[in-house]
Amino acid sequence: MSHTEPASRGRSPVGPTQRRAWTPDEVRALGLTTSLETAAEIIGIGRTLAYELVKNQAFPVRLLRLGRRVVVPIPDLLHYLGA
């Protein structure tokens, strides 16, 4: 059900203050679900904020909890992004 993102997807490295913009096709290519960390990167927030939003039940996209693991459905993420 989930997809493990490759370490490098042909993206150029960006500095800590720069965020890379994901295209809808790149998001779709992730599969059915993605990790919370990747979803946070896609919507433009940091990992710490993402986990804080999950803790407060305020993450802007529906989450699936698989035991201790949290994954984000790609269709919901695309809908949030308006793609």
C-alpha atoms as a PDB file:
ATOM      1  CA  MET A   1       0.000   0.000   0.000  1.00  0.00           C
ATOM      2  CA  SER A   2       2.747   2.468   0.816  1.00  0.00           C
ATOM      3  CA  HIS A   3       5.621   3.474  -1.357  1.00  0.00           C
ATOM      4  CA  THR A   4       9.178   4.047  -0.264  1.00  0.00           C
ATOM      5  CA  GLU A   5      10.602   7.146  -1.839  1.00  0.00           C
ATOM      6  CA  PRO A   6      13.982   6.725  -3.492  1.00  0.00           C
ATOM      7  CA  ALA A   7      16.861   8.573  -1.874  1.00  0.00           C
ATOM      8  CA  SER A   8      17.370  10.708  -4.951  1.00  0.00           C
ATOM      9  CA  ARG A   9      14.698  11.403  -7.517  1.00  0.00           C
ATOM     10  CA  GLY A  10      16.837  13.471  -9.820  1.00  0.00           C
ATOM     11  CA  ARG A  11      16.220  16.569  -7.754  1.00  0.00           C
ATOM     12  CA  SER A  12      18.888  19.140  -7.260  1.00  0.00           C
ATOM     13  CA  PRO A  13      19.822  19.751  -3.647  1.00  0.00           C
ATOM     14  CA  VAL A  14      18.403  22.846  -2.039  1.00  0.00           C
ATOM     15  CA  GLY A  15      19.648  24.818   0.908  1.00  0.00           C
ATOM     16  CA  PRO A  16      17.902  24.880   4.278  1.00  0.00           C
ATOM     17  CA  THR A  17      16.002  28.072   3.443  1.00  0.00           C
ATOM     18  CA  GLN A  18      14.946  26.941  -0.032  1.00  0.00           C
ATOM     19  CA  ARG A  19      12.068  24.557  -0.622  1.00  0.00           C
ATOM     20  CA  ARG A  20      11.657  22.568  -3.764  1.00  0.00           C
ATOM     21  CA  ALA A  21       8.278  22.729  -5.511  1.00  0.00           C
ATOM     22  CA  TRP A  22       6.777  19.339  -6.343  1.00  0.00           C
ATOM     23  CA  THR A  23       4.737  18.927  -9.508  1.00  0.00           C
ATOM     24  CA  PRO A  24       1.443  17.004  -9.414  1.00  0.00           C
ATOM     25  CA  ASP A  25       2.986  14.317 -11.636  1.00  0.00           C
ATOM     26  CA  GLU A  26       5.873  13.845  -9.197  1.00  0.00           C
ATOM     27  CA  VAL A  27       3.410  13.498  -6.333  1.00  0.00           C
ATOM     28  CA  ARG A  28       1.307  10.963  -8.284  1.00  0.00           C
ATOM     29  CA  ALA A  29       4.457   8.962  -9.045  1.00  0.00           C
ATOM     30  CA  LEU A  30       4.888   8.265  -5.318  1.00  0.00           C
ATOM     31  CA  GLY A  31       2.140   5.640  -5.407  1.00  0.00           C
ATOM     32  CA  LEU A  32      -0.923   5.327  -3.198  1.00  0.00           C
ATOM     33  CA  THR A  33       0.549   6.732   0.001  1.00  0.00           C
ATOM     34  CA  THR A  34       3.627   8.568   1.171  1.00  0.00           C
ATOM     35  CA  SER A  35       5.378   9.192   4.456  1.00  0.00           C
ATOM     36  CA  LEU A  36       4.472  12.085   6.702  1.00  0.00           C
ATOM     37  CA  GLU A  37       7.916  13.588   6.125  1.00  0.00           C
ATOM     38  CA  THR A  38       7.488  13.555   2.342  1.00  0.00           C
ATOM     39  CA  ALA A  39       3.957  14.955   2.581  1.00  0.00           C
ATOM     40  CA  ALA A  40       5.261  17.760   4.784  1.00  0.00           C
ATOM     41  CA  GLU A  41       7.957  18.558   2.222  1.00  0.00           C
ATOM     42  CA  ILE A  42       5.368  18.583  -0.564  1.00  0.00           C
ATOM     43  CA  ILE A  43       3.063  21.028   1.225  1.00  0.00           C
ATOM     44  CA  GLY A  44       5.995  23.171   2.306  1.00  0.00           C
ATOM     45  CA  ILE A  45       6.254  22.631   6.052  1.00  0.00           C
ATOM     46  CA  GLY A  46       9.014  21.169   8.151  1.00  0.00           C
ATOM     47  CA  ARG A  47       9.107  17.759   9.792  1.00  0.00           C
ATOM     48  CA  THR A  48       8.774  19.153  13.321  1.00  0.00           C
ATOM     49  CA  LEU A  49       5.697  21.189  12.454  1.00  0.00           C
ATOM     50  CA  ALA A  50       4.181  18.199  10.652  1.00  0.00           C
ATOM     51  CA  TYR A  51       4.498  16.009  13.748  1.00  0.00           C
ATOM     52  CA  GLU A  52       3.134  18.803  15.945  1.00  0.00           C
ATOM     53  CA  LEU A  53       0.092  19.114  13.658  1.00  0.00           C
ATOM     54  CA  VAL A  54      -0.422  15.334  13.808  1.00  0.00           C
ATOM     55  CA  LYS A  55      -0.195  15.422  17.591  1.00  0.00           C
ATOM     56  CA  ASN A  56      -2.841  18.159  17.705  1.00  0.00           C
ATOM     57  CA  GLN A  57      -4.996  16.447  15.059  1.00  0.00           C
ATOM     58  CA  ALA A  58      -4.561  19.488  12.812  1.00  0.00           C
ATOM     59  CA  PHE A  59      -2.602  18.102   9.831  1.00  0.00           C
ATOM     60  CA  PRO A  60      -4.327  19.533   6.737  1.00  0.00           C
ATOM     61  CA  VAL A  61      -4.608  16.170   4.955  1.00  0.00           C
ATOM     62  CA  ARG A  62      -6.251  12.922   6.080  1.00  0.00           C
ATOM     63  CA  LEU A  63      -3.785  10.516   7.673  1.00  0.00           C
ATOM     64  CA  LEU A  64      -3.756   6.734   7.900  1.00  0.00           C
ATOM     65  CA  ARG A  65      -2.325   5.238  11.057  1.00  0.00           C
ATOM     66  CA  LEU A  66      -0.718   1.844  10.631  1.00  0.00           C
ATOM     67  CA  GLY A  67       0.326   0.954  14.144  1.00  0.00           C
ATOM     68  CA  ARG A  68       2.846   3.629  15.076  1.00  0.00           C
ATOM     69  CA  ARG A  69       3.392   4.574  11.451  1.00  0.00           C
ATOM     70  CA  VAL A  70       1.504   7.471   9.847  1.00  0.00           C
ATOM     71  CA  VAL A  71       1.070   7.654   6.068  1.00  0.00           C
ATOM     72  CA  VAL A  72      -0.669  10.169   3.826  1.00  0.00           C
ATOM     73  CA  PRO A  73      -2.941   9.080   0.947  1.00  0.00           C
ATOM     74  CA  ILE A  74      -1.722  10.601  -2.305  1.00  0.00           C
ATOM     75  CA  PRO A  75      -5.245  11.379  -3.650  1.00  0.00           C
ATOM     76  CA  ASP A  76      -6.000  13.392  -0.480  1.00  0.00           C
ATOM     77  CA  LEU A  77      -2.679  15.214  -0.766  1.00  0.00           C
ATOM     78  CA  LEU A  78      -3.374  16.083  -4.411  1.00  0.00           C
ATOM     79  CA  HIS A  79      -6.862  17.313  -3.491  1.00  0.00           C
ATOM     80  CA  TYR A  80      -5.389  19.535  -0.781  1.00  0.00           C
ATOM     81  CA  LEU A  81      -2.954  20.950  -3.335  1.00  0.00           C
ATOM     82  CA  GLY A  82      -5.771  21.575  -5.785  1.00  0.00           C
ATOM     83  CA  ALA A  83      -4.258  19.256  -8.383  1.00  0.00           C
END
